[in-house]
Amino acid sequence: MKRSMLDILACPIDKHYPLELHDIEAAGDDIRQGVLFCAKCGRYYPVIDGIPVMLPDELRNKERDTGFLEKWKEKIPEKILRQGNPWHL
């Protein structure tokens, strides 16, 4: 995902803009792993292998999302780990 994509991304649930980006693995303008966070509704969206996974709650995969949080918990902000929607650690 290019960092410049933040200019066009909004939360699919409440349309809040802009989203916060917490990059985990990045090379220049390319985000390989990271988290997008909506400050309005508290939802997070993982960026996995450069692709932002911005699905509504009913289409999300709980095991994948919680596994992502567990894998990167040292680099993800506490507010996402402990209070992020739709699920957290």
N, C-alpha and C. Protein backbone atom coordinates (compact mmCIF):
# COMPACT_ATOMS: atom_id res chain seq x y z
N MET A 1 0.84 -1.16 0.00
CA MET A 1 0.00 0.00 0.00
C MET A 1 0.89 1.23 0.00
N LYS A 2 0.61 2.15 -0.85
CA LYS A 2 1.33 3.42 -0.87
C LYS A 2 0.79 4.33 0.23
N ARG A 3 1.68 5.02 0.91
CA ARG A 3 1.28 5.94 1.96
C ARG A 3 0.29 6.99 1.44
N SER A 4 0.41 7.36 0.18
CA SER A 4 -0.47 8.37 -0.41
C SER A 4 -1.93 7.89 -0.50
N MET A 5 -2.17 6.58 -0.35
CA MET A 5 -3.56 6.07 -0.37
C MET A 5 -4.38 6.60 0.79
N LEU A 6 -3.72 7.06 1.84
CA LEU A 6 -4.45 7.62 2.98
C LEU A 6 -5.33 8.79 2.57
N ASP A 7 -4.98 9.45 1.48
CA ASP A 7 -5.76 10.59 0.98
C ASP A 7 -7.13 10.18 0.45
N ILE A 8 -7.30 8.90 0.12
CA ILE A 8 -8.57 8.46 -0.46
C ILE A 8 -9.31 7.41 0.36
N LEU A 9 -8.70 6.92 1.44
CA LEU A 9 -9.33 5.87 2.24
C LEU A 9 -10.16 6.45 3.38
N ALA A 10 -11.35 5.89 3.56
CA ALA A 10 -12.22 6.25 4.67
C ALA A 10 -12.76 4.97 5.29
N CYS A 11 -13.21 5.04 6.52
CA CYS A 11 -13.78 3.88 7.19
C CYS A 11 -15.02 3.41 6.44
N PRO A 12 -15.09 2.13 6.08
CA PRO A 12 -16.27 1.64 5.36
C PRO A 12 -17.53 1.58 6.22
N ILE A 13 -17.39 1.66 7.53
CA ILE A 13 -18.55 1.59 8.43
C ILE A 13 -19.19 2.96 8.61
N ASP A 14 -18.39 3.96 9.00
CA ASP A 14 -18.96 5.27 9.31
C ASP A 14 -18.46 6.39 8.40
N LYS A 15 -17.64 6.04 7.41
CA LYS A 15 -17.12 6.98 6.40
C LYS A 15 -16.19 8.04 6.99
N HIS A 16 -15.68 7.81 8.21
CA HIS A 16 -14.76 8.76 8.84
C HIS A 16 -13.48 8.87 8.03
N TYR A 17 -12.98 10.07 7.92
CA TYR A 17 -11.75 10.38 7.18
C TYR A 17 -11.04 11.49 7.93
N PRO A 18 -9.76 11.47 8.05
CA PRO A 18 -8.80 10.45 7.60
C PRO A 18 -8.63 9.34 8.64
N LEU A 19 -8.12 8.23 8.17
CA LEU A 19 -7.79 7.11 9.04
C LEU A 19 -6.35 7.29 9.53
N GLU A 20 -6.09 6.79 10.73
CA GLU A 20 -4.72 6.80 11.26
C GLU A 20 -3.97 5.60 10.67
N LEU A 21 -2.73 5.80 10.30
CA LEU A 21 -1.89 4.71 9.83
C LEU A 21 -0.81 4.44 10.86
N HIS A 22 -0.70 3.20 11.27
CA HIS A 22 0.37 2.75 12.16
C HIS A 22 1.15 1.71 11.36
N ASP A 23 2.29 2.14 10.80
CA ASP A 23 3.05 1.21 9.96
C ASP A 23 3.93 0.32 10.83
N ILE A 24 4.01 -0.92 10.39
CA ILE A 24 4.80 -1.94 11.09
C ILE A 24 6.05 -2.26 10.29
N GLU A 25 5.86 -2.53 9.01
CA GLU A 25 6.98 -2.76 8.08
C GLU A 25 6.76 -1.85 6.89
N ALA A 26 7.73 -0.99 6.65
CA ALA A 26 7.61 -0.06 5.53
C ALA A 26 8.97 0.12 4.88
N ALA A 27 8.93 0.42 3.60
CA ALA A 27 10.13 0.75 2.84
C ALA A 27 9.81 2.01 2.05
N GLY A 28 10.23 3.14 2.57
CA GLY A 28 9.91 4.40 1.92
C GLY A 28 8.42 4.66 1.98
N ASP A 29 7.81 4.81 0.81
CA ASP A 29 6.38 5.11 0.70
C ASP A 29 5.51 3.85 0.70
N ASP A 30 6.14 2.69 0.67
CA ASP A 30 5.40 1.42 0.61
C ASP A 30 5.21 0.82 2.00
N ILE A 31 3.95 0.61 2.37
CA ILE A 31 3.62 -0.03 3.64
C ILE A 31 3.35 -1.50 3.35
N ARG A 32 4.18 -2.37 3.92
CA ARG A 32 4.00 -3.82 3.72
C ARG A 32 3.08 -4.42 4.79
N GLN A 33 3.28 -3.99 6.02
CA GLN A 33 2.46 -4.45 7.15
C GLN A 33 2.10 -3.22 7.97
N GLY A 34 0.86 -3.14 8.41
CA GLY A 34 0.45 -2.01 9.22
C GLY A 34 -0.99 -2.13 9.65
N VAL A 35 -1.48 -1.07 10.25
CA VAL A 35 -2.86 -1.03 10.73
C VAL A 35 -3.44 0.34 10.42
N LEU A 36 -4.63 0.34 9.85
CA LEU A 36 -5.41 1.56 9.68
C LEU A 36 -6.41 1.60 10.82
N PHE A 37 -6.62 2.78 11.42
CA PHE A 37 -7.49 2.89 12.58
C PHE A 37 -8.45 4.05 12.41
N CYS A 38 -9.73 3.79 12.68
CA CYS A 38 -10.76 4.82 12.63
C CYS A 38 -10.97 5.35 14.05
N ALA A 39 -10.63 6.60 14.27
CA ALA A 39 -10.77 7.20 15.60
C ALA A 39 -12.24 7.40 15.98
N LYS A 40 -13.14 7.42 15.02
CA LYS A 40 -14.55 7.65 15.31
C LYS A 40 -15.23 6.40 15.88
N CYS A 41 -15.08 5.25 15.21
CA CYS A 41 -15.77 4.04 15.66
C CYS A 41 -14.84 3.04 16.35
N GLY A 42 -13.53 3.29 16.34
CA GLY A 42 -12.58 2.41 17.02
C GLY A 42 -12.24 1.15 16.27
N ARG A 43 -12.62 1.06 14.98
CA ARG A 43 -12.29 -0.12 14.19
C ARG A 43 -10.88 0.00 13.62
N TYR A 44 -10.26 -1.15 13.52
CA TYR A 44 -8.94 -1.21 12.88
C TYR A 44 -9.05 -2.10 11.64
N TYR A 45 -8.18 -1.84 10.71
CA TYR A 45 -8.12 -2.61 9.46
C TYR A 45 -6.66 -2.96 9.21
N PRO A 46 -6.32 -4.25 9.19
CA PRO A 46 -4.93 -4.62 8.97
C PRO A 46 -4.49 -4.37 7.52
N VAL A 47 -3.23 -4.03 7.39
CA VAL A 47 -2.59 -3.98 6.08
C VAL A 47 -1.67 -5.19 6.04
N ILE A 48 -1.99 -6.15 5.17
CA ILE A 48 -1.27 -7.41 5.11
C ILE A 48 -0.65 -7.56 3.73
N ASP A 49 0.65 -7.70 3.70
CA ASP A 49 1.39 -7.81 2.43
C ASP A 49 1.05 -6.66 1.49
N GLY A 50 0.92 -5.47 2.04
CA GLY A 50 0.68 -4.28 1.24
C GLY A 50 -0.77 -4.04 0.85
N ILE A 51 -1.68 -4.87 1.33
CA ILE A 51 -3.09 -4.74 0.95
C ILE A 51 -3.93 -4.38 2.18
N PRO A 52 -4.61 -3.23 2.17
CA PRO A 52 -5.49 -2.90 3.28
C PRO A 52 -6.75 -3.76 3.22
N VAL A 53 -7.03 -4.46 4.32
CA VAL A 53 -8.20 -5.35 4.39
C VAL A 53 -9.30 -4.57 5.11
N MET A 54 -10.16 -3.94 4.31
CA MET A 54 -11.17 -3.02 4.85
C MET A 54 -12.57 -3.57 4.62
N LEU A 55 -12.86 -4.68 5.28
CA LEU A 55 -14.14 -5.35 5.13
C LEU A 55 -15.07 -4.97 6.29
N PRO A 56 -16.40 -5.00 6.06
CA PRO A 56 -17.33 -4.81 7.18
C PRO A 56 -17.22 -5.99 8.15
N ASP A 57 -17.66 -5.76 9.37
CA ASP A 57 -17.49 -6.75 10.45
C ASP A 57 -17.95 -8.15 10.07
N GLU A 58 -19.11 -8.26 9.42
CA GLU A 58 -19.67 -9.59 9.13
C GLU A 58 -18.86 -10.37 8.10
N LEU A 59 -17.96 -9.72 7.38
CA LEU A 59 -17.13 -10.41 6.38
C LEU A 59 -15.69 -10.62 6.85
N ARG A 60 -15.39 -10.14 8.04
CA ARG A 60 -14.02 -10.27 8.55
C ARG A 60 -13.78 -11.66 9.12
N ASN A 61 -12.51 -12.06 9.10
CA ASN A 61 -12.09 -13.35 9.61
C ASN A 61 -11.45 -13.14 10.98
N LYS A 62 -12.13 -13.58 12.02
CA LYS A 62 -11.67 -13.34 13.39
C LYS A 62 -10.29 -13.95 13.65
N GLU A 63 -10.07 -15.17 13.20
CA GLU A 63 -8.79 -15.83 13.43
C GLU A 63 -7.65 -15.08 12.75
N ARG A 64 -7.87 -14.63 11.52
CA ARG A 64 -6.83 -13.89 10.81
C ARG A 64 -6.53 -12.57 11.52
N ASP A 65 -7.58 -11.85 11.90
CA ASP A 65 -7.38 -10.54 12.53
C ASP A 65 -6.72 -10.65 13.91
N THR A 66 -7.18 -11.58 14.74
CA THR A 66 -6.57 -11.72 16.06
C THR A 66 -5.16 -12.31 15.95
N GLY A 67 -4.93 -13.16 14.97
CA GLY A 67 -3.57 -13.66 14.71
C GLY A 67 -2.64 -12.55 14.29
N PHE A 68 -3.13 -11.63 13.47
CA PHE A 68 -2.35 -10.46 13.06
C PHE A 68 -2.00 -9.61 14.28
N LEU A 69 -2.99 -9.36 15.15
CA LEU A 69 -2.73 -8.57 16.37
C LEU A 69 -1.70 -9.26 17.26
N GLU A 70 -1.84 -10.56 17.41
CA GLU A 70 -0.90 -11.32 18.25
C GLU A 70 0.52 -11.26 17.67
N LYS A 71 0.63 -11.45 16.37
CA LYS A 71 1.94 -11.46 15.72
C LYS A 71 2.67 -10.13 15.88
N TRP A 72 1.93 -9.03 15.75
CA TRP A 72 2.55 -7.71 15.74
C TRP A 72 2.28 -6.90 17.02
N LYS A 73 1.90 -7.56 18.11
CA LYS A 73 1.47 -6.84 19.31
C LYS A 73 2.53 -5.90 19.89
N GLU A 74 3.79 -6.15 19.62
CA GLU A 74 4.85 -5.27 20.12
C GLU A 74 4.90 -3.95 19.34
N LYS A 75 4.30 -3.91 18.15
CA LYS A 75 4.38 -2.72 17.31
C LYS A 75 3.03 -2.03 17.08
N ILE A 76 1.96 -2.59 17.63
CA ILE A 76 0.62 -2.03 17.45
C ILE A 76 0.24 -1.26 18.71
N PRO A 77 -0.33 -0.06 18.55
CA PRO A 77 -0.72 0.73 19.73
C PRO A 77 -1.68 -0.02 20.65
N GLU A 78 -1.53 0.24 21.94
CA GLU A 78 -2.33 -0.42 22.97
C GLU A 78 -3.83 -0.22 22.75
N LYS A 79 -4.24 0.97 22.29
CA LYS A 79 -5.67 1.24 22.09
C LYS A 79 -6.28 0.29 21.08
N ILE A 80 -5.51 -0.15 20.10
CA ILE A 80 -6.01 -1.11 19.11
C ILE A 80 -6.00 -2.52 19.70
N LEU A 81 -4.91 -2.88 20.37
CA LEU A 81 -4.81 -4.22 20.95
C LEU A 81 -5.87 -4.50 21.99
N ARG A 82 -6.19 -3.53 22.82
CA ARG A 82 -7.08 -3.76 23.97
C ARG A 82 -8.52 -3.30 23.75
N GLN A 83 -8.75 -2.38 22.79
CA GLN A 83 -10.09 -1.83 22.63
C GLN A 83 -10.57 -1.78 21.19
N GLY A 84 -9.76 -2.23 20.25
CA GLY A 84 -10.13 -2.15 18.84
C GLY A 84 -11.34 -2.99 18.49
N ASN A 85 -12.13 -2.50 17.57
CA ASN A 85 -13.32 -3.21 17.08
C ASN A 85 -12.99 -3.87 15.75
N PRO A 86 -13.56 -4.96 15.38
CA PRO A 86 -14.65 -5.66 16.04
C PRO A 86 -14.19 -6.60 17.15
N TRP A 87 -12.89 -6.95 17.23
CA TRP A 87 -12.38 -7.77 18.32
C TRP A 87 -10.96 -7.33 18.63
N HIS A 88 -10.50 -7.74 19.80
CA HIS A 88 -9.18 -7.33 20.26
C HIS A 88 -8.60 -8.43 21.14
N LEU A 89 -7.39 -8.21 21.60
CA LEU A 89 -6.73 -9.24 22.45
C LEU A 89 -7.18 -9.10 23.90
